Amino acid sequence: MYAHRGVTLTSSEVPRLIALDEEYAIAGRVTTGDPFVQIALKTNTVERFVVTCLPVGTGGEFAADIVWNSATFGGELAWLMVSAAPTDCISHHGWSRSVVLGIHHA
């Protein structure tokens, strides 16, 4: 179970190994009362996180499809950071504590 940075993921399966250009569905609930969820993606070849900010439902629920696209990302390791975020949708990343995923190269 992923329960980190004010978010509990309710997706049936969070990937541990990803493929570039594949779509992955995630869903969860923000448990802090913040109005946004911030989804940040990074790989070891990209210097900064690529961030998406989504409003959450009245109960804090959210769902999103995420893709590490090959035009932006590459490398061997990927990071997924999902955080509760306030109205400015800024959350302080903690990449060293984020989920690390392997990248499968076909």
Protein backbone atom coordinates (compact mmCIF):
# COMPACT_ATOMS: atom_id res chain seq x y z
CA MET A 1 0.00 0.00 0.00
CA TYR A 2 1.25 3.47 -0.90
CA ALA A 3 0.42 5.97 1.84
CA HIS A 4 2.88 8.82 1.59
CA ARG A 5 2.86 12.64 1.63
CA GLY A 6 -0.87 12.89 2.42
CA VAL A 7 -1.98 10.45 -0.28
CA THR A 8 -3.22 6.89 -0.12
CA LEU A 9 -3.27 5.12 -3.47
CA THR A 10 -6.31 2.91 -4.01
CA SER A 11 -5.20 1.56 -7.39
CA SER A 12 -5.25 -2.20 -7.46
CA GLU A 13 -1.67 -2.30 -8.66
CA VAL A 14 1.09 0.30 -8.66
CA PRO A 15 3.75 -0.63 -11.24
CA ARG A 16 7.25 -1.57 -10.14
CA LEU A 17 8.54 -1.89 -13.68
CA ILE A 18 7.39 0.54 -16.35
CA ALA A 19 7.74 0.77 -20.11
CA LEU A 20 8.17 4.12 -21.80
CA ASP A 21 5.09 5.29 -23.74
CA GLU A 22 2.78 2.92 -21.81
CA GLU A 23 -0.21 4.33 -19.94
CA TYR A 24 -0.63 3.50 -16.24
CA ALA A 25 -3.82 4.26 -14.32
CA ILE A 26 -3.51 5.41 -10.72
CA ALA A 27 -6.24 6.37 -8.29
CA GLY A 28 -6.25 7.43 -4.70
CA ARG A 29 -7.40 9.76 -2.00
CA VAL A 30 -5.81 12.87 -0.52
CA THR A 31 -6.09 12.48 3.25
CA THR A 32 -4.93 15.94 4.35
CA GLY A 33 -7.86 18.04 3.11
CA ASP A 34 -5.70 19.72 0.46
CA PRO A 35 -7.60 20.58 -2.76
CA PHE A 36 -5.03 19.21 -5.22
CA VAL A 37 -2.91 16.18 -5.89
CA GLN A 38 0.46 16.68 -7.48
CA ILE A 39 1.84 13.88 -9.64
CA ALA A 40 5.52 14.22 -10.46
CA LEU A 41 7.52 12.00 -12.82
CA LYS A 42 11.28 11.86 -13.28
CA THR A 43 13.95 9.56 -14.66
CA ASN A 44 17.68 9.47 -14.12
CA THR A 45 18.20 11.28 -17.47
CA VAL A 46 15.88 14.22 -16.63
CA GLU A 47 17.13 16.86 -14.21
CA ARG A 48 13.74 18.04 -12.90
CA PHE A 49 10.41 16.45 -12.10
CA VAL A 50 7.68 16.81 -14.73
CA VAL A 51 4.65 17.86 -12.67
CA THR A 52 0.90 17.53 -13.21
CA CYS A 53 -1.56 19.10 -10.79
CA LEU A 54 -5.13 17.78 -10.52
CA PRO A 55 -8.05 18.95 -8.38
CA VAL A 56 -9.45 16.28 -6.08
CA GLY A 57 -13.10 15.36 -5.54
CA THR A 58 -15.12 16.36 -2.48
CA GLY A 59 -13.90 13.27 -0.61
CA GLY A 60 -10.30 13.81 -1.71
CA GLU A 61 -10.47 11.17 -4.46
CA PHE A 62 -8.56 11.41 -7.73
CA ALA A 63 -7.72 9.29 -10.75
CA ALA A 64 -5.16 9.85 -13.49
CA ASP A 65 -3.42 8.11 -16.37
CA ILE A 66 0.33 8.63 -16.32
CA VAL A 67 2.88 8.08 -19.07
CA TRP A 68 6.65 8.36 -19.06
CA ASN A 69 6.90 9.35 -22.73
CA SER A 70 10.08 8.53 -24.61
CA ALA A 71 10.31 12.04 -26.08
CA THR A 72 10.98 13.39 -22.56
CA PHE A 73 12.19 10.47 -20.49
CA GLY A 74 14.79 7.75 -20.83
CA GLY A 75 17.35 5.99 -18.69
CA GLU A 76 17.09 3.02 -16.39
CA LEU A 77 15.32 4.38 -13.29
CA ALA A 78 12.07 6.32 -12.89
CA TRP A 79 10.58 8.10 -9.90
CA LEU A 80 6.89 8.57 -9.13
CA MET A 81 5.96 11.20 -6.54
CA VAL A 82 2.31 11.64 -5.61
CA SER A 83 1.68 14.35 -3.01
CA ALA A 84 -1.16 16.32 -1.49
CA ALA A 85 -0.88 19.97 -2.51
CA PRO A 86 -2.42 23.27 -1.33
CA THR A 87 -4.07 25.90 -3.51
CA ASP A 88 -0.79 26.93 -5.16
CA CYS A 89 -0.19 23.24 -6.03
CA ILE A 90 3.37 23.40 -4.78
CA SER A 91 4.62 20.46 -2.79
CA HIS A 92 8.18 19.96 -1.67
CA HIS A 93 9.59 16.95 -3.45
CA GLY A 94 11.35 14.29 -1.52
CA TRP A 95 12.72 12.24 -4.41
CA SER A 96 14.98 10.28 -2.10
CA ARG A 97 11.81 8.93 -0.46
CA SER A 98 9.73 8.55 -3.62
CA VAL A 99 8.86 5.28 -5.30
CA VAL A 100 11.68 4.07 -7.58
CA LEU A 101 10.62 2.09 -10.65
CA GLY A 102 12.70 0.21 -13.19
CA ILE A 103 12.30 1.01 -16.90
CA HIS A 104 11.80 -1.98 -19.19
CA HIS A 105 13.42 -1.54 -22.60
CA ALA A 106 11.78 -3.79 -25.20
